[in-house]
């Protein structure tokens, strides 16, 4: 698997519209 020391990556929800800011 991937190394354990790699940072977690944030992925936007697929319903996010272009130009729209991401919310929690």
PDBML (XML) file of the C-alpha atoms, coordinates in Angstrom:
<?xml version="1.0" encoding="UTF-8" ?>
<PDBx:datablock datablockName="MODEL"
   xmlns:PDBx="http://pdbml.pdb.org/schema/pdbx-v50.xsd"
   xmlns:xsi="http://www.w3.org/2001/XMLSchema-instance"
   xsi:schemaLocation="http://pdbml.pdb.org/schema/pdbx-v50.xsd pdbx-v50.xsd">
   <PDBx:atom_siteCategory>
      <PDBx:atom_site id="1">
         <PDBx:B_iso_or_equiv>0.00</PDBx:B_iso_or_equiv>
         <PDBx:Cartn_x>0.000</PDBx:Cartn_x>
         <PDBx:Cartn_y>0.000</PDBx:Cartn_y>
         <PDBx:Cartn_z>0.000</PDBx:Cartn_z>
         <PDBx:auth_asym_id>A</PDBx:auth_asym_id>
         <PDBx:auth_atom_id>CA</PDBx:auth_atom_id>
         <PDBx:auth_comp_id>UNK</PDBx:auth_comp_id>
         <PDBx:auth_seq_id>1</PDBx:auth_seq_id>
         <PDBx:group_PDB>ATOM</PDBx:group_PDB>
         <PDBx:label_alt_id xsi:nil="true" />
         <PDBx:label_asym_id>A</PDBx:label_asym_id>
         <PDBx:label_atom_id>CA</PDBx:label_atom_id>
         <PDBx:label_comp_id>UNK</PDBx:label_comp_id>
         <PDBx:label_entity_id>1</PDBx:label_entity_id>
         <PDBx:label_seq_id>1</PDBx:label_seq_id>
         <PDBx:occupancy>1.00</PDBx:occupancy>
         <PDBx:pdbx_PDB_model_num>1</PDBx:pdbx_PDB_model_num>
         <PDBx:type_symbol>C</PDBx:type_symbol>
      </PDBx:atom_site>
      <PDBx:atom_site id="2">
         <PDBx:B_iso_or_equiv>0.00</PDBx:B_iso_or_equiv>
         <PDBx:Cartn_x>0.907</PDBx:Cartn_x>
         <PDBx:Cartn_y>3.667</PDBx:Cartn_y>
         <PDBx:Cartn_z>0.030</PDBx:Cartn_z>
         <PDBx:auth_asym_id>A</PDBx:auth_asym_id>
         <PDBx:auth_atom_id>CA</PDBx:auth_atom_id>
         <PDBx:auth_comp_id>UNK</PDBx:auth_comp_id>
         <PDBx:auth_seq_id>2</PDBx:auth_seq_id>
         <PDBx:group_PDB>ATOM</PDBx:group_PDB>
         <PDBx:label_alt_id xsi:nil="true" />
         <PDBx:label_asym_id>A</PDBx:label_asym_id>
         <PDBx:label_atom_id>CA</PDBx:label_atom_id>
         <PDBx:label_comp_id>UNK</PDBx:label_comp_id>
         <PDBx:label_entity_id>1</PDBx:label_entity_id>
         <PDBx:label_seq_id>2</PDBx:label_seq_id>
         <PDBx:occupancy>1.00</PDBx:occupancy>
         <PDBx:pdbx_PDB_model_num>1</PDBx:pdbx_PDB_model_num>
         <PDBx:type_symbol>C</PDBx:type_symbol>
      </PDBx:atom_site>
      <PDBx:atom_site id="3">
         <PDBx:B_iso_or_equiv>0.00</PDBx:B_iso_or_equiv>
         <PDBx:Cartn_x>3.434</PDBx:Cartn_x>
         <PDBx:Cartn_y>4.743</PDBx:Cartn_y>
         <PDBx:Cartn_z>2.652</PDBx:Cartn_z>
         <PDBx:auth_asym_id>A</PDBx:auth_asym_id>
         <PDBx:auth_atom_id>CA</PDBx:auth_atom_id>
         <PDBx:auth_comp_id>UNK</PDBx:auth_comp_id>
         <PDBx:auth_seq_id>3</PDBx:auth_seq_id>
         <PDBx:group_PDB>ATOM</PDBx:group_PDB>
         <PDBx:label_alt_id xsi:nil="true" />
         <PDBx:label_asym_id>A</PDBx:label_asym_id>
         <PDBx:label_atom_id>CA</PDBx:label_atom_id>
         <PDBx:label_comp_id>UNK</PDBx:label_comp_id>
         <PDBx:label_entity_id>1</PDBx:label_entity_id>
         <PDBx:label_seq_id>3</PDBx:label_seq_id>
         <PDBx:occupancy>1.00</PDBx:occupancy>
         <PDBx:pdbx_PDB_model_num>1</PDBx:pdbx_PDB_model_num>
         <PDBx:type_symbol>C</PDBx:type_symbol>
      </PDBx:atom_site>
      <PDBx:atom_site id="4">
         <PDBx:B_iso_or_equiv>0.00</PDBx:B_iso_or_equiv>
         <PDBx:Cartn_x>2.028</PDBx:Cartn_x>
         <PDBx:Cartn_y>5.658</PDBx:Cartn_y>
         <PDBx:Cartn_z>6.038</PDBx:Cartn_z>
         <PDBx:auth_asym_id>A</PDBx:auth_asym_id>
         <PDBx:auth_atom_id>CA</PDBx:auth_atom_id>
         <PDBx:auth_comp_id>UNK</PDBx:auth_comp_id>
         <PDBx:auth_seq_id>4</PDBx:auth_seq_id>
         <PDBx:group_PDB>ATOM</PDBx:group_PDB>
         <PDBx:label_alt_id xsi:nil="true" />
         <PDBx:label_asym_id>A</PDBx:label_asym_id>
         <PDBx:label_atom_id>CA</PDBx:label_atom_id>
         <PDBx:label_comp_id>UNK</PDBx:label_comp_id>
         <PDBx:label_entity_id>1</PDBx:label_entity_id>
         <PDBx:label_seq_id>4</PDBx:label_seq_id>
         <PDBx:occupancy>1.00</PDBx:occupancy>
         <PDBx:pdbx_PDB_model_num>1</PDBx:pdbx_PDB_model_num>
         <PDBx:type_symbol>C</PDBx:type_symbol>
      </PDBx:atom_site>
      <PDBx:atom_site id="5">
         <PDBx:B_iso_or_equiv>0.00</PDBx:B_iso_or_equiv>
         <PDBx:Cartn_x>3.825</PDBx:Cartn_x>
         <PDBx:Cartn_y>9.016</PDBx:Cartn_y>
         <PDBx:Cartn_z>6.203</PDBx:Cartn_z>
         <PDBx:auth_asym_id>A</PDBx:auth_asym_id>
         <PDBx:auth_atom_id>CA</PDBx:auth_atom_id>
         <PDBx:auth_comp_id>UNK</PDBx:auth_comp_id>
         <PDBx:auth_seq_id>5</PDBx:auth_seq_id>
         <PDBx:group_PDB>ATOM</PDBx:group_PDB>
         <PDBx:label_alt_id xsi:nil="true" />
         <PDBx:label_asym_id>A</PDBx:label_asym_id>
         <PDBx:label_atom_id>CA</PDBx:label_atom_id>
         <PDBx:label_comp_id>UNK</PDBx:label_comp_id>
         <PDBx:label_entity_id>1</PDBx:label_entity_id>
         <PDBx:label_seq_id>5</PDBx:label_seq_id>
         <PDBx:occupancy>1.00</PDBx:occupancy>
         <PDBx:pdbx_PDB_model_num>1</PDBx:pdbx_PDB_model_num>
         <PDBx:type_symbol>C</PDBx:type_symbol>
      </PDBx:atom_site>
      <PDBx:atom_site id="6">
         <PDBx:B_iso_or_equiv>0.00</PDBx:B_iso_or_equiv>
         <PDBx:Cartn_x>1.935</PDBx:Cartn_x>
         <PDBx:Cartn_y>10.500</PDBx:Cartn_y>
         <PDBx:Cartn_z>3.237</PDBx:Cartn_z>
         <PDBx:auth_asym_id>A</PDBx:auth_asym_id>
         <PDBx:auth_atom_id>CA</PDBx:auth_atom_id>
         <PDBx:auth_comp_id>UNK</PDBx:auth_comp_id>
         <PDBx:auth_seq_id>6</PDBx:auth_seq_id>
         <PDBx:group_PDB>ATOM</PDBx:group_PDB>
         <PDBx:label_alt_id xsi:nil="true" />
         <PDBx:label_asym_id>A</PDBx:label_asym_id>
         <PDBx:label_atom_id>CA</PDBx:label_atom_id>
         <PDBx:label_comp_id>UNK</PDBx:label_comp_id>
         <PDBx:label_entity_id>1</PDBx:label_entity_id>
         <PDBx:label_seq_id>6</PDBx:label_seq_id>
         <PDBx:occupancy>1.00</PDBx:occupancy>
         <PDBx:pdbx_PDB_model_num>1</PDBx:pdbx_PDB_model_num>
         <PDBx:type_symbol>C</PDBx:type_symbol>
      </PDBx:atom_site>
      <PDBx:atom_site id="7">
         <PDBx:B_iso_or_equiv>0.00</PDBx:B_iso_or_equiv>
         <PDBx:Cartn_x>-0.596</PDBx:Cartn_x>
         <PDBx:Cartn_y>13.233</PDBx:Cartn_y>
         <PDBx:Cartn_z>4.043</PDBx:Cartn_z>
         <PDBx:auth_asym_id>A</PDBx:auth_asym_id>
         <PDBx:auth_atom_id>CA</PDBx:auth_atom_id>
         <PDBx:auth_comp_id>UNK</PDBx:auth_comp_id>
         <PDBx:auth_seq_id>7</PDBx:auth_seq_id>
         <PDBx:group_PDB>ATOM</PDBx:group_PDB>
         <PDBx:label_alt_id xsi:nil="true" />
         <PDBx:label_asym_id>A</PDBx:label_asym_id>
         <PDBx:label_atom_id>CA</PDBx:label_atom_id>
         <PDBx:label_comp_id>UNK</PDBx:label_comp_id>
         <PDBx:label_entity_id>1</PDBx:label_entity_id>
         <PDBx:label_seq_id>7</PDBx:label_seq_id>
         <PDBx:occupancy>1.00</PDBx:occupancy>
         <PDBx:pdbx_PDB_model_num>1</PDBx:pdbx_PDB_model_num>
         <PDBx:type_symbol>C</PDBx:type_symbol>
      </PDBx:atom_site>
      <PDBx:atom_site id="8">
         <PDBx:B_iso_or_equiv>0.00</PDBx:B_iso_or_equiv>
         <PDBx:Cartn_x>-4.292</PDBx:Cartn_x>
         <PDBx:Cartn_y>12.707</PDBx:Cartn_y>
         <PDBx:Cartn_z>3.570</PDBx:Cartn_z>
         <PDBx:auth_asym_id>A</PDBx:auth_asym_id>
         <PDBx:auth_atom_id>CA</PDBx:auth_atom_id>
         <PDBx:auth_comp_id>UNK</PDBx:auth_comp_id>
         <PDBx:auth_seq_id>8</PDBx:auth_seq_id>
         <PDBx:group_PDB>ATOM</PDBx:group_PDB>
         <PDBx:label_alt_id xsi:nil="true" />
         <PDBx:label_asym_id>A</PDBx:label_asym_id>
         <PDBx:label_atom_id>CA</PDBx:label_atom_id>
         <PDBx:label_comp_id>UNK</PDBx:label_comp_id>
         <PDBx:label_entity_id>1</PDBx:label_entity_id>
         <PDBx:label_seq_id>8</PDBx:label_seq_id>
         <PDBx:occupancy>1.00</PDBx:occupancy>
         <PDBx:pdbx_PDB_model_num>1</PDBx:pdbx_PDB_model_num>
         <PDBx:type_symbol>C</PDBx:type_symbol>
      </PDBx:atom_site>
      <PDBx:atom_site id="9">
         <PDBx:B_iso_or_equiv>0.00</PDBx:B_iso_or_equiv>
         <PDBx:Cartn_x>-5.714</PDBx:Cartn_x>
         <PDBx:Cartn_y>14.243</PDBx:Cartn_y>
         <PDBx:Cartn_z>0.410</PDBx:Cartn_z>
         <PDBx:auth_asym_id>A</PDBx:auth_asym_id>
         <PDBx:auth_atom_id>CA</PDBx:auth_atom_id>
         <PDBx:auth_comp_id>UNK</PDBx:auth_comp_id>
         <PDBx:auth_seq_id>9</PDBx:auth_seq_id>
         <PDBx:group_PDB>ATOM</PDBx:group_PDB>
         <PDBx:label_alt_id xsi:nil="true" />
         <PDBx:label_asym_id>A</PDBx:label_asym_id>
         <PDBx:label_atom_id>CA</PDBx:label_atom_id>
         <PDBx:label_comp_id>UNK</PDBx:label_comp_id>
         <PDBx:label_entity_id>1</PDBx:label_entity_id>
         <PDBx:label_seq_id>9</PDBx:label_seq_id>
         <PDBx:occupancy>1.00</PDBx:occupancy>
         <PDBx:pdbx_PDB_model_num>1</PDBx:pdbx_PDB_model_num>
         <PDBx:type_symbol>C</PDBx:type_symbol>
      </PDBx:atom_site>
      <PDBx:atom_site id="10">
         <PDBx:B_iso_or_equiv>0.00</PDBx:B_iso_or_equiv>
         <PDBx:Cartn_x>-8.946</PDBx:Cartn_x>
         <PDBx:Cartn_y>16.240</PDBx:Cartn_y>
         <PDBx:Cartn_z>0.318</PDBx:Cartn_z>
         <PDBx:auth_asym_id>A</PDBx:auth_asym_id>
         <PDBx:auth_atom_id>CA</PDBx:auth_atom_id>
         <PDBx:auth_comp_id>UNK</PDBx:auth_comp_id>
         <PDBx:auth_seq_id>10</PDBx:auth_seq_id>
         <PDBx:group_PDB>ATOM</PDBx:group_PDB>
         <PDBx:label_alt_id xsi:nil="true" />
         <PDBx:label_asym_id>A</PDBx:label_asym_id>
         <PDBx:label_atom_id>CA</PDBx:label_atom_id>
         <PDBx:label_comp_id>UNK</PDBx:label_comp_id>
         <PDBx:label_entity_id>1</PDBx:label_entity_id>
         <PDBx:label_seq_id>10</PDBx:label_seq_id>
         <PDBx:occupancy>1.00</PDBx:occupancy>
         <PDBx:pdbx_PDB_model_num>1</PDBx:pdbx_PDB_model_num>
         <PDBx:type_symbol>C</PDBx:type_symbol>
      </PDBx:atom_site>
      <PDBx:atom_site id="11">
         <PDBx:B_iso_or_equiv>0.00</PDBx:B_iso_or_equiv>
         <PDBx:Cartn_x>-11.358</PDBx:Cartn_x>
         <PDBx:Cartn_y>15.329</PDBx:Cartn_y>
         <PDBx:Cartn_z>-2.479</PDBx:Cartn_z>
         <PDBx:auth_asym_id>A</PDBx:auth_asym_id>
         <PDBx:auth_atom_id>CA</PDBx:auth_atom_id>
         <PDBx:auth_comp_id>UNK</PDBx:auth_comp_id>
         <PDBx:auth_seq_id>11</PDBx:auth_seq_id>
         <PDBx:group_PDB>ATOM</PDBx:group_PDB>
         <PDBx:label_alt_id xsi:nil="true" />
         <PDBx:label_asym_id>A</PDBx:label_asym_id>
         <PDBx:label_atom_id>CA</PDBx:label_atom_id>
         <PDBx:label_comp_id>UNK</PDBx:label_comp_id>
         <PDBx:label_entity_id>1</PDBx:label_entity_id>
         <PDBx:label_seq_id>11</PDBx:label_seq_id>
         <PDBx:occupancy>1.00</PDBx:occupancy>
         <PDBx:pdbx_PDB_model_num>1</PDBx:pdbx_PDB_model_num>
         <PDBx:type_symbol>C</PDBx:type_symbol>
      </PDBx:atom_site>
      <PDBx:atom_site id="12">
         <PDBx:B_iso_or_equiv>0.00</PDBx:B_iso_or_equiv>
         <PDBx:Cartn_x>-14.335</PDBx:Cartn_x>
         <PDBx:Cartn_y>17.508</PDBx:Cartn_y>
         <PDBx:Cartn_z>-3.351</PDBx:Cartn_z>
         <PDBx:auth_asym_id>A</PDBx:auth_asym_id>
         <PDBx:auth_atom_id>CA</PDBx:auth_atom_id>
         <PDBx:auth_comp_id>UNK</PDBx:auth_comp_id>
         <PDBx:auth_seq_id>12</PDBx:auth_seq_id>
         <PDBx:group_PDB>ATOM</PDBx:group_PDB>
         <PDBx:label_alt_id xsi:nil="true" />
         <PDBx:label_asym_id>A</PDBx:label_asym_id>
         <PDBx:label_atom_id>CA</PDBx:label_atom_id>
         <PDBx:label_comp_id>UNK</PDBx:label_comp_id>
         <PDBx:label_entity_id>1</PDBx:label_entity_id>
         <PDBx:label_seq_id>12</PDBx:label_seq_id>
         <PDBx:occupancy>1.00</PDBx:occupancy>
         <PDBx:pdbx_PDB_model_num>1</PDBx:pdbx_PDB_model_num>
         <PDBx:type_symbol>C</PDBx:type_symbol>
      </PDBx:atom_site>
      <PDBx:atom_site id="13">
         <PDBx:B_iso_or_equiv>0.00</PDBx:B_iso_or_equiv>
         <PDBx:Cartn_x>-17.766</PDBx:Cartn_x>
         <PDBx:Cartn_y>15.969</PDBx:Cartn_y>
         <PDBx:Cartn_z>-3.376</PDBx:Cartn_z>
         <PDBx:auth_asym_id>A</PDBx:auth_asym_id>
         <PDBx:auth_atom_id>CA</PDBx:auth_atom_id>
         <PDBx:auth_comp_id>UNK</PDBx:auth_comp_id>
         <PDBx:auth_seq_id>13</PDBx:auth_seq_id>
         <PDBx:group_PDB>ATOM</PDBx:group_PDB>
         <PDBx:label_alt_id xsi:nil="true" />
         <PDBx:label_asym_id>A</PDBx:label_asym_id>
         <PDBx:label_atom_id>CA</PDBx:label_atom_id>
         <PDBx:label_comp_id>UNK</PDBx:label_comp_id>
         <PDBx:label_entity_id>1</PDBx:label_entity_id>
         <PDBx:label_seq_id>13</PDBx:label_seq_id>
         <PDBx:occupancy>1.00</PDBx:occupancy>
         <PDBx:pdbx_PDB_model_num>1</PDBx:pdbx_PDB_model_num>
         <PDBx:type_symbol>C</PDBx:type_symbol>
      </PDBx:atom_site>
      <PDBx:atom_site id="14">
         <PDBx:B_iso_or_equiv>0.00</PDBx:B_iso_or_equiv>
         <PDBx:Cartn_x>-18.869</PDBx:Cartn_x>
         <PDBx:Cartn_y>15.139</PDBx:Cartn_y>
         <PDBx:Cartn_z>-6.956</PDBx:Cartn_z>
         <PDBx:auth_asym_id>A</PDBx:auth_asym_id>
         <PDBx:auth_atom_id>CA</PDBx:auth_atom_id>
         <PDBx:auth_comp_id>UNK</PDBx:auth_comp_id>
         <PDBx:auth_seq_id>14</PDBx:auth_seq_id>
         <PDBx:group_PDB>ATOM</PDBx:group_PDB>
         <PDBx:label_alt_id xsi:nil="true" />
         <PDBx:label_asym_id>A</PDBx:label_asym_id>
         <PDBx:label_atom_id>CA</PDBx:label_atom_id>
         <PDBx:label_comp_id>UNK</PDBx:label_comp_id>
         <PDBx:label_entity_id>1</PDBx:label_entity_id>
         <PDBx:label_seq_id>14</PDBx:label_seq_id>
         <PDBx:occupancy>1.00</PDBx:occupancy>
         <PDBx:pdbx_PDB_model_num>1</PDBx:pdbx_PDB_model_num>
         <PDBx:type_symbol>C</PDBx:type_symbol>
      </PDBx:atom_site>
      <PDBx:atom_site id="15">
         <PDBx:B_iso_or_equiv>0.00</PDBx:B_iso_or_equiv>
         <PDBx:Cartn_x>-21.876</PDBx:Cartn_x>
         <PDBx:Cartn_y>17.494</PDBx:Cartn_y>
         <PDBx:Cartn_z>-6.669</PDBx:Cartn_z>
         <PDBx:auth_asym_id>A</PDBx:auth_asym_id>
         <PDBx:auth_atom_id>CA</PDBx:auth_atom_id>
         <PDBx:auth_comp_id>UNK</PDBx:auth_comp_id>
         <PDBx:auth_seq_id>15</PDBx:auth_seq_id>
         <PDBx:group_PDB>ATOM</PDBx:group_PDB>
         <PDBx:label_alt_id xsi:nil="true" />
         <PDBx:label_asym_id>A</PDBx:label_asym_id>
         <PDBx:label_atom_id>CA</PDBx:label_atom_id>
         <PDBx:label_comp_id>UNK</PDBx:label_comp_id>
         <PDBx:label_entity_id>1</PDBx:label_entity_id>
         <PDBx:label_seq_id>15</PDBx:label_seq_id>
         <PDBx:occupancy>1.00</PDBx:occupancy>
         <PDBx:pdbx_PDB_model_num>1</PDBx:pdbx_PDB_model_num>
         <PDBx:type_symbol>C</PDBx:type_symbol>
      </PDBx:atom_site>
      <PDBx:atom_site id="16">
         <PDBx:B_iso_or_equiv>0.00</PDBx:B_iso_or_equiv>
         <PDBx:Cartn_x>-19.700</PDBx:Cartn_x>
         <PDBx:Cartn_y>20.574</PDBx:Cartn_y>
         <PDBx:Cartn_z>-6.216</PDBx:Cartn_z>
         <PDBx:auth_asym_id>A</PDBx:auth_asym_id>
         <PDBx:auth_atom_id>CA</PDBx:auth_atom_id>
         <PDBx:auth_comp_id>UNK</PDBx:auth_comp_id>
         <PDBx:auth_seq_id>16</PDBx:auth_seq_id>
         <PDBx:group_PDB>ATOM</PDBx:group_PDB>
         <PDBx:label_alt_id xsi:nil="true" />
         <PDBx:label_asym_id>A</PDBx:label_asym_id>
         <PDBx:label_atom_id>CA</PDBx:label_atom_id>
         <PDBx:label_comp_id>UNK</PDBx:label_comp_id>
         <PDBx:label_entity_id>1</PDBx:label_entity_id>
         <PDBx:label_seq_id>16</PDBx:label_seq_id>
         <PDBx:occupancy>1.00</PDBx:occupancy>
         <PDBx:pdbx_PDB_model_num>1</PDBx:pdbx_PDB_model_num>
         <PDBx:type_symbol>C</PDBx:type_symbol>
      </PDBx:atom_site>
      <PDBx:atom_site id="17">
         <PDBx:B_iso_or_equiv>0.00</PDBx:B_iso_or_equiv>
         <PDBx:Cartn_x>-20.287</PDBx:Cartn_x>
         <PDBx:Cartn_y>23.063</PDBx:Cartn_y>
         <PDBx:Cartn_z>-9.034</PDBx:Cartn_z>
         <PDBx:auth_asym_id>A</PDBx:auth_asym_id>
         <PDBx:auth_atom_id>CA</PDBx:auth_atom_id>
         <PDBx:auth_comp_id>UNK</PDBx:auth_comp_id>
         <PDBx:auth_seq_id>17</PDBx:auth_seq_id>
         <PDBx:group_PDB>ATOM</PDBx:group_PDB>
         <PDBx:label_alt_id xsi:nil="true" />
         <PDBx:label_asym_id>A</PDBx:label_asym_id>
         <PDBx:label_atom_id>CA</PDBx:label_atom_id>
         <PDBx:label_comp_id>UNK</PDBx:label_comp_id>
         <PDBx:label_entity_id>1</PDBx:label_entity_id>
         <PDBx:label_seq_id>17</PDBx:label_seq_id>
         <PDBx:occupancy>1.00</PDBx:occupancy>
         <PDBx:pdbx_PDB_model_num>1</PDBx:pdbx_PDB_model_num>
         <PDBx:type_symbol>C</PDBx:type_symbol>
      </PDBx:atom_site>
      <PDBx:atom_site id="18">
         <PDBx:B_iso_or_equiv>0.00</PDBx:B_iso_or_equiv>
         <PDBx:Cartn_x>-17.460</PDBx:Cartn_x>
         <PDBx:Cartn_y>24.780</PDBx:Cartn_y>
         <PDBx:Cartn_z>-10.845</PDBx:Cartn_z>
         <PDBx:auth_asym_id>A</PDBx:auth_asym_id>
         <PDBx:auth_atom_id>CA</PDBx:auth_atom_id>
         <PDBx:auth_comp_id>UNK</PDBx:auth_comp_id>
         <PDBx:auth_seq_id>18</PDBx:auth_seq_id>
         <PDBx:group_PDB>ATOM</PDBx:group_PDB>
         <PDBx:label_alt_id xsi:nil="true" />
         <PDBx:label_asym_id>A</PDBx:label_asym_id>
         <PDBx:label_atom_id>CA</PDBx:label_atom_id>
         <PDBx:label_comp_id>UNK</PDBx:label_comp_id>
         <PDBx:label_entity_id>1</PDBx:label_entity_id>
         <PDBx:label_seq_id>18</PDBx:label_seq_id>
         <PDBx:occupancy>1.00</PDBx:occupancy>
         <PDBx:pdbx_PDB_model_num>1</PDBx:pdbx_PDB_model_num>
         <PDBx:type_symbol>C</PDBx:type_symbol>
      </PDBx:atom_site>
      <PDBx:atom_site id="19">
         <PDBx:B_iso_or_equiv>0.00</PDBx:B_iso_or_equiv>
         <PDBx:Cartn_x>-16.501</PDBx:Cartn_x>
         <PDBx:Cartn_y>28.063</PDBx:Cartn_y>
         <PDBx:Cartn_z>-9.232</PDBx:Cartn_z>
         <PDBx:auth_asym_id>A</PDBx:auth_asym_id>
         <PDBx:auth_atom_id>CA</PDBx:auth_atom_id>
         <PDBx:auth_comp_id>UNK</PDBx:auth_comp_id>
         <PDBx:auth_seq_id>19</PDBx:auth_seq_id>
         <PDBx:group_PDB>ATOM</PDBx:group_PDB>
         <PDBx:label_alt_id xsi:nil="true" />
         <PDBx:label_asym_id>A</PDBx:label_asym_id>
         <PDBx:label_atom_id>CA</PDBx:label_atom_id>
         <PDBx:label_comp_id>UNK</PDBx:label_comp_id>
         <PDBx:label_entity_id>1</PDBx:label_entity_id>
         <PDBx:label_seq_id>19</PDBx:label_seq_id>
         <PDBx:occupancy>1.00</PDBx:occupancy>
         <PDBx:pdbx_PDB_model_num>1</PDBx:pdbx_PDB_model_num>
         <PDBx:type_symbol>C</PDBx:type_symbol>
      </PDBx:atom_site>
      <PDBx:atom_site id="20">
         <PDBx:B_iso_or_equiv>0.00</PDBx:B_iso_or_equiv>
         <PDBx:Cartn_x>-18.296</PDBx:Cartn_x>
         <PDBx:Cartn_y>27.122</PDBx:Cartn_y>
         <PDBx:Cartn_z>-6.008</PDBx:Cartn_z>
         <PDBx:auth_asym_id>A</PDBx:auth_asym_id>
         <PDBx:auth_atom_id>CA</PDBx:auth_atom_id>
         <PDBx:auth_comp_id>UNK</PDBx:auth_comp_id>
         <PDBx:auth_seq_id>20</PDBx:auth_seq_id>
         <PDBx:group_PDB>ATOM</PDBx:group_PDB>
         <PDBx:label_alt_id xsi:nil="true" />
         <PDBx:label_asym_id>A</PDBx:label_asym_id>
         <PDBx:label_atom_id>CA</PDBx:label_atom_id>
         <PDBx:label_comp_id>UNK</PDBx:label_comp_id>
         <PDBx:label_entity_id>1</PDBx:label_entity_id>
         <PDBx:label_seq_id>20</PDBx:label_seq_id>
         <PDBx:occupancy>1.00</PDBx:occupancy>
         <PDBx:pdbx_PDB_model_num>1</PDBx:pdbx_PDB_model_num>
         <PDBx:type_symbol>C</PDBx:type_symbol>
      </PDBx:atom_site>
      <PDBx:atom_site id="21">
         <PDBx:B_iso_or_equiv>0.00</PDBx:B_iso_or_equiv>
         <PDBx:Cartn_x>-16.279</PDBx:Cartn_x>
         <PDBx:Cartn_y>27.195</PDBx:Cartn_y>
         <PDBx:Cartn_z>-2.825</PDBx:Cartn_z>
         <PDBx:auth_asym_id>A</PDBx:auth_asym_id>
         <PDBx:auth_atom_id>CA</PDBx:auth_atom_id>
         <PDBx:auth_comp_id>UNK</PDBx:auth_comp_id>
         <PDBx:auth_seq_id>21</PDBx:auth_seq_id>
         <PDBx:group_PDB>ATOM</PDBx:group_PDB>
         <PDBx:label_alt_id xsi:nil="true" />
         <PDBx:label_asym_id>A</PDBx:label_asym_id>
         <PDBx:label_atom_id>CA</PDBx:label_atom_id>
         <PDBx:label_comp_id>UNK</PDBx:label_comp_id>
         <PDBx:label_entity_id>1</PDBx:label_entity_id>
         <PDBx:label_seq_id>21</PDBx:label_seq_id>
         <PDBx:occupancy>1.00</PDBx:occupancy>
         <PDBx:pdbx_PDB_model_num>1</PDBx:pdbx_PDB_model_num>
         <PDBx:type_symbol>C</PDBx:type_symbol>
      </PDBx:atom_site>
      <PDBx:atom_site id="22">
         <PDBx:B_iso_or_equiv>0.00</PDBx:B_iso_or_equiv>
         <PDBx:Cartn_x>-15.919</PDBx:Cartn_x>
         <PDBx:Cartn_y>23.942</PDBx:Cartn_y>
         <PDBx:Cartn_z>-0.934</PDBx:Cartn_z>
         <PDBx:auth_asym_id>A</PDBx:auth_asym_id>
         <PDBx:auth_atom_id>CA</PDBx:auth_atom_id>
         <PDBx:auth_comp_id>UNK</PDBx:auth_comp_id>
         <PDBx:auth_seq_id>22</PDBx:auth_seq_id>
         <PDBx:group_PDB>ATOM</PDBx:group_PDB>
         <PDBx:label_alt_id xsi:nil="true" />
         <PDBx:label_asym_id>A</PDBx:label_asym_id>
         <PDBx:label_atom_id>CA</PDBx:label_atom_id>
         <PDBx:label_comp_id>UNK</PDBx:label_comp_id>
         <PDBx:label_entity_id>1</PDBx:label_entity_id>
         <PDBx:label_seq_id>22</PDBx:label_seq_id>
         <PDBx:occupancy>1.00</PDBx:occupancy>
         <PDBx:pdbx_PDB_model_num>1</PDBx:pdbx_PDB_model_num>
         <PDBx:type_symbol>C</PDBx:type_symbol>
      </PDBx:atom_site>
      <PDBx:atom_site id="23">
         <PDBx:B_iso_or_equiv>0.00</PDBx:B_iso_or_equiv>
         <PDBx:Cartn_x>-17.730</PDBx:Cartn_x>
         <PDBx:Cartn_y>23.541</PDBx:Cartn_y>
         <PDBx:Cartn_z>2.355</PDBx:Cartn_z>
         <PDBx:auth_asym_id>A</PDBx:auth_asym_id>
         <PDBx:auth_atom_id>CA</PDBx:auth_atom_id>
         <PDBx:auth_comp_id>UNK</PDBx:auth_comp_id>
         <PDBx:auth_seq_id>23</PDBx:auth_seq_id>
         <PDBx:group_PDB>ATOM</PDBx:group_PDB>
         <PDBx:label_alt_id xsi:nil="true" />
         <PDBx:label_asym_id>A</PDBx:label_asym_id>
         <PDBx:label_atom_id>CA</PDBx:label_atom_id>
         <PDBx:label_comp_id>UNK</PDBx:label_comp_id>
         <PDBx:label_entity_id>1</PDBx:label_entity_id>
         <PDBx:label_seq_id>23</PDBx:label_seq_id>
         <PDBx:occupancy>1.00</PDBx:occupancy>
         <PDBx:pdbx_PDB_model_num>1</PDBx:pdbx_PDB_model_num>
         <PDBx:type_symbol>C</PDBx:type_symbol>
      </PDBx:atom_site>
      <PDBx:atom_site id="24">
         <PDBx:B_iso_or_equiv>0.00</PDBx:B_iso_or_equiv>
         <PDBx:Cartn_x>-16.974</PDBx:Cartn_x>
         <PDBx:Cartn_y>21.066</PDBx:Cartn_y>
         <PDBx:Cartn_z>5.147</PDBx:Cartn_z>
         <PDBx:auth_asym_id>A</PDBx:auth_asym_id>
         <PDBx:auth_atom_id>CA</PDBx:auth_atom_id>
         <PDBx:auth_comp_id>UNK</PDBx:auth_comp_id>
         <PDBx:auth_seq_id>24</PDBx:auth_seq_id>
         <PDBx:group_PDB>ATOM</PDBx:group_PDB>
         <PDBx:label_alt_id xsi:nil="true" />
         <PDBx:label_asym_id>A</PDBx:label_asym_id>
         <PDBx:label_atom_id>CA</PDBx:label_atom_id>
         <PDBx:label_comp_id>UNK</PDBx:label_comp_id>
         <PDBx:label_entity_id>1</PDBx:label_entity_id>
         <PDBx:label_seq_id>24</PDBx:label_seq_id>
         <PDBx:occupancy>1.00</PDBx:occupancy>
         <PDBx:pdbx_PDB_model_num>1</PDBx:pdbx_PDB_model_num>
         <PDBx:type_symbol>C</PDBx:type_symbol>
      </PDBx:atom_site>
   </PDBx:atom_siteCategory>
</PDBx:datablock>
